[in-house]
Amino acid sequence: MRTSNPPVPPSPARPGHPGGGSTAGRGALRDVLHSVVPAVLGVVLAAVLAAVVLVAGAGGSAGQEPGRSPAFVPEWTWPLTPAPAVLRPFEKPPRPWQRGHRGVDLAGAAPAAVLSPADGVVSFAGTVVDRGVLSIDHGGGRVSSFEPVTTDLVKGQRVSGGQAVATLDGVGPGPPRGHCGGCLHWGVRVDGEYVDPLSFVTDRRPSVLLPLDATGAGAGG
């Protein structure tokens, strides 16, 4: 009598292979890819943008040392040439009616040419007490005044920056003209308030301390 072998039951499918559970495995893989790929792309894009910003910043500051502020460019020019010594600096009074030095005294000798520090219009030309005074309105509420000077200009006359607008008066006989015989007093008002004229021709920004070079002063004991 012939007997047949009993049927062999199918083996359970392993994950990742065709059979039971393969559909669930592929679905999980898709979920992982959908969550990871956008995050990776976002990180890469952020890194690229950061690199572009750094390159653009380096290009805009070409020729400028790191950590240093941009080079100072004066708004005006000195009223005397060459640049004179400052005999007495600006001293803002505590109150408008109190004592101070409402301008700067510049070393000069008569009959040195007095130059307009910027474009403007003559707002006053005449004598105040015992000295000649010239005032120039530069616009924007800014007015320069010079004394003791002699000028042929008249009120309303337009002048250019660097133009000779007056001559410096000498001491002459008798008491000195003005409060600083043999010098030019230069005052500047902005909206009626006296300010330091040197702020328009020199770098008055506070100094910035830079970190020590790690390969230089920081080395050694």
Protein backbone atom coordinates (compact mmCIF):
# COMPACT_ATOMS: atom_id res chain seq x y z
CA MET A 1 0.00 0.00 0.00
CA ARG A 2 1.45 3.42 -1.05
CA THR A 3 1.46 6.21 1.50
CA SER A 4 1.93 9.96 0.71
CA ASN A 5 4.01 12.40 2.73
CA PRO A 6 2.03 14.82 4.91
CA PRO A 7 1.84 18.42 3.59
CA VAL A 8 4.50 20.76 4.94
CA PRO A 9 3.12 24.03 6.35
CA PRO A 10 4.64 27.22 4.82
CA SER A 11 7.39 28.93 6.79
CA PRO A 12 6.46 32.31 8.32
CA ALA A 13 7.70 35.22 6.23
CA ARG A 14 10.68 37.17 7.57
CA PRO A 15 10.50 40.96 7.82
CA GLY A 16 11.72 42.63 4.64
CA HIS A 17 10.94 39.65 2.45
CA PRO A 18 7.83 38.90 0.44
CA GLY A 19 5.19 37.40 2.56
CA GLY A 20 3.45 38.35 5.72
CA GLY A 21 4.57 41.67 7.31
CA SER A 22 6.39 43.06 4.22
CA THR A 23 3.75 45.75 3.59
CA ALA A 24 4.01 47.02 7.17
CA GLY A 25 7.84 47.17 6.90
CA ARG A 26 7.77 49.22 3.72
CA GLY A 27 5.23 51.57 5.25
CA ALA A 28 7.45 52.15 8.29
CA LEU A 29 10.44 52.85 6.03
CA ARG A 30 8.47 55.42 4.07
CA ASP A 31 7.42 57.12 7.31
CA VAL A 32 11.06 57.34 8.43
CA LEU A 33 12.19 58.76 5.09
CA HIS A 34 9.37 61.31 5.06
CA SER A 35 10.38 62.59 8.49
CA VAL A 36 14.18 62.47 8.18
CA VAL A 37 14.77 63.74 4.61
CA PRO A 38 13.09 67.15 5.08
CA ALA A 39 15.03 67.69 8.31
CA VAL A 40 18.33 66.87 6.62
CA LEU A 41 17.53 69.16 3.69
CA GLY A 42 16.67 71.96 6.12
CA VAL A 43 20.04 71.64 7.88
CA VAL A 44 21.91 71.65 4.56
CA LEU A 45 20.00 74.71 3.32
CA ALA A 46 20.71 76.60 6.57
CA ALA A 47 24.43 75.82 6.26
CA VAL A 48 24.49 77.06 2.65
CA LEU A 49 22.73 80.32 3.58
CA ALA A 50 25.15 80.90 6.47
CA ALA A 51 28.10 80.42 4.12
CA VAL A 52 26.63 82.92 1.64
CA VAL A 53 26.17 85.53 4.40
CA LEU A 54 29.76 85.09 5.58
CA VAL A 55 31.15 85.46 2.07
CA ALA A 56 29.05 88.55 1.42
CA GLY A 57 30.19 90.12 4.69
CA ALA A 58 33.83 89.42 3.90
CA GLY A 59 33.43 91.00 0.48
CA GLY A 60 31.79 94.12 1.88
CA SER A 61 34.63 94.69 4.35
CA ALA A 62 37.51 94.02 1.96
CA GLY A 63 40.61 95.87 3.06
CA GLN A 64 39.25 96.43 6.56
CA GLU A 65 40.88 94.70 9.50
CA PRO A 66 38.57 92.46 11.54
CA GLY A 67 37.25 94.12 14.68
CA ARG A 68 38.01 97.66 13.48
CA SER A 69 35.39 100.29 12.72
CA PRO A 70 35.20 101.83 9.22
CA ALA A 71 37.72 104.54 8.43
CA PHE A 72 36.67 108.02 9.54
CA VAL A 73 35.68 110.36 6.70
CA PRO A 74 35.42 114.01 7.84
CA GLU A 75 32.27 115.89 6.88
CA TRP A 76 34.05 119.25 6.66
CA THR A 77 37.54 120.63 6.04
CA TRP A 78 39.67 122.74 8.36
CA PRO A 79 39.12 126.51 8.11
CA LEU A 80 42.90 127.03 8.11
CA THR A 81 45.52 125.20 6.08
CA PRO A 82 47.58 123.27 6.89
CA ALA A 83 45.55 121.75 9.73
CA PRO A 84 46.26 124.07 12.67
CA ALA A 85 47.09 123.30 16.27
CA VAL A 86 44.23 123.58 18.72
CA LEU A 87 45.17 126.14 21.36
CA ARG A 88 42.01 125.75 23.39
CA PRO A 89 39.38 123.01 22.98
CA PHE A 90 35.62 123.23 23.09
CA GLU A 91 34.15 123.42 26.60
CA LYS A 92 30.40 123.02 26.72
CA PRO A 93 28.91 125.11 29.53
CA PRO A 94 26.81 123.23 32.10
CA ARG A 95 23.92 125.61 31.32
CA PRO A 96 23.44 127.82 28.24
CA TRP A 97 23.89 130.96 30.34
CA GLN A 98 26.99 129.77 32.23
CA ARG A 99 30.65 130.15 31.39
CA GLY A 100 32.34 127.83 28.92
CA HIS A 101 34.24 127.88 25.66
CA ARG A 102 31.73 127.77 22.84
CA GLY A 103 34.15 126.82 20.10
CA VAL A 104 37.84 126.09 19.53
CA ASP A 105 40.82 128.41 19.23
CA LEU A 106 43.05 127.53 16.26
CA ALA A 107 46.64 128.69 15.91
CA GLY A 108 47.05 131.13 13.03
CA ALA A 109 48.77 134.32 12.02
CA ALA A 110 47.37 137.30 10.13
CA PRO A 111 46.60 137.62 7.33
CA ALA A 112 45.97 133.88 6.93
CA ALA A 113 43.10 132.94 4.65
CA VAL A 114 40.03 131.60 6.43
CA LEU A 115 38.31 128.86 4.42
CA SER A 116 34.68 127.83 4.50
CA PRO A 117 34.60 124.30 5.97
CA ALA A 118 31.61 123.34 3.80
CA ASP A 119 29.15 124.74 1.28
CA GLY A 120 26.78 127.33 2.66
CA VAL A 121 25.30 130.81 2.64
CA VAL A 122 26.62 133.82 4.56
CA SER A 123 24.20 134.51 7.40
CA PHE A 124 26.17 137.33 9.06
CA ALA A 125 29.17 139.47 8.14
CA GLY A 126 29.99 142.46 10.30
CA THR A 127 31.48 143.80 13.51
CA VAL A 128 30.56 142.60 16.98
CA VAL A 129 31.87 144.96 19.68
CA ASP A 130 35.48 145.32 18.49
CA ARG A 131 36.04 142.38 16.11
CA GLY A 132 34.92 141.18 12.73
CA VAL A 133 32.66 138.13 12.70
CA LEU A 134 31.59 135.92 9.80
CA SER A 135 28.85 133.31 10.08
CA ILE A 136 27.98 130.74 7.41
CA ASP A 137 24.79 128.69 7.35
CA HIS A 138 25.64 125.21 6.05
CA GLY A 139 22.06 123.95 6.10
CA GLY A 140 20.52 121.31 8.33
CA GLY A 141 20.59 123.73 11.27
CA ARG A 142 24.42 123.94 11.23
CA VAL A 143 26.14 127.35 11.37
CA SER A 144 29.86 128.16 11.54
CA SER A 145 31.16 131.43 13.01
CA PHE A 146 34.69 132.86 12.76
CA GLU A 147 36.41 135.72 14.59
CA PRO A 148 38.36 137.98 14.47
CA VAL A 149 38.25 138.23 10.67
CA THR A 150 37.94 140.68 7.84
CA THR A 151 35.68 139.82 4.91
CA ASP A 152 34.15 141.39 1.83
CA LEU A 153 31.27 138.94 1.75
CA VAL A 154 27.71 140.03 2.46
CA LYS A 155 24.69 138.30 3.92
CA GLY A 156 23.00 135.94 1.50
CA GLN A 157 26.12 135.28 -0.56
CA ARG A 158 26.68 131.60 -1.39
CA VAL A 159 30.09 130.03 -0.71
CA SER A 160 31.69 126.66 -1.43
CA GLY A 161 33.61 124.35 0.85
CA GLY A 162 37.32 125.24 0.82
CA GLN A 163 36.68 128.73 -0.55
CA ALA A 164 38.61 131.61 1.03
CA VAL A 165 35.92 133.67 2.76
CA ALA A 166 37.91 135.96 5.07
CA THR A 167 41.36 136.81 6.42
CA LEU A 168 42.46 136.40 9.99
CA ASP A 169 42.99 139.71 11.80
CA GLY A 170 46.21 140.35 13.68
CA VAL A 171 46.61 141.58 17.22
CA GLY A 172 47.40 145.12 16.18
CA PRO A 173 47.76 148.06 18.55
CA GLY A 174 45.68 148.16 21.69
CA PRO A 175 43.94 145.19 23.29
CA PRO A 176 43.71 141.90 21.36
CA ARG A 177 40.71 141.55 19.10
CA GLY A 178 38.47 138.85 20.50
CA HIS A 179 39.41 136.63 23.40
CA CYS A 180 42.43 134.99 21.73
CA GLY A 181 44.81 137.44 20.13
CA GLY A 182 46.69 135.81 17.27
CA CYS A 183 44.31 132.88 16.79
CA LEU A 184 41.09 132.03 14.97
CA HIS A 185 38.05 131.28 17.09
CA TRP A 186 35.73 128.80 15.33
CA GLY A 187 32.29 128.11 16.73
CA VAL A 188 29.61 125.76 15.41
CA ARG A 189 25.92 125.70 16.32
CA VAL A 190 23.49 122.91 15.48
CA ASP A 191 19.87 123.99 15.83
CA GLY A 192 21.04 126.89 17.96
CA GLU A 193 23.14 124.80 20.36
CA TYR A 194 26.93 125.04 20.40
CA VAL A 195 28.78 121.81 19.61
CA ASP A 196 32.44 120.82 19.25
CA PRO A 197 33.65 121.95 15.79
CA LEU A 198 36.39 119.30 15.84
CA SER A 199 33.74 116.58 15.54
CA PHE A 200 33.32 117.63 11.90
CA VAL A 201 37.00 117.40 10.96
CA THR A 202 38.57 114.82 13.30
CA ASP A 203 37.67 111.34 14.52
CA ARG A 204 36.10 111.92 17.93
CA ARG A 205 34.73 108.38 18.31
CA PRO A 206 35.81 106.53 21.50
CA SER A 207 38.72 104.15 21.13
CA VAL A 208 37.91 100.43 20.98
CA LEU A 209 40.20 97.91 22.69
CA LEU A 210 40.87 94.91 20.47
CA PRO A 211 41.59 91.39 21.85
CA LEU A 212 45.23 90.37 22.10
CA ASP A 213 46.60 88.20 19.32
CA ALA A 214 46.70 84.62 20.57
CA THR A 215 49.99 84.09 18.73
CA GLY A 216 51.52 87.32 19.95
CA ALA A 217 51.21 89.07 23.28
CA GLY A 218 49.24 86.20 24.76
CA ALA A 219 52.18 83.81 24.42
CA GLY A 220 54.81 83.33 27.10
CA GLY A 221 54.66 83.76 30.83
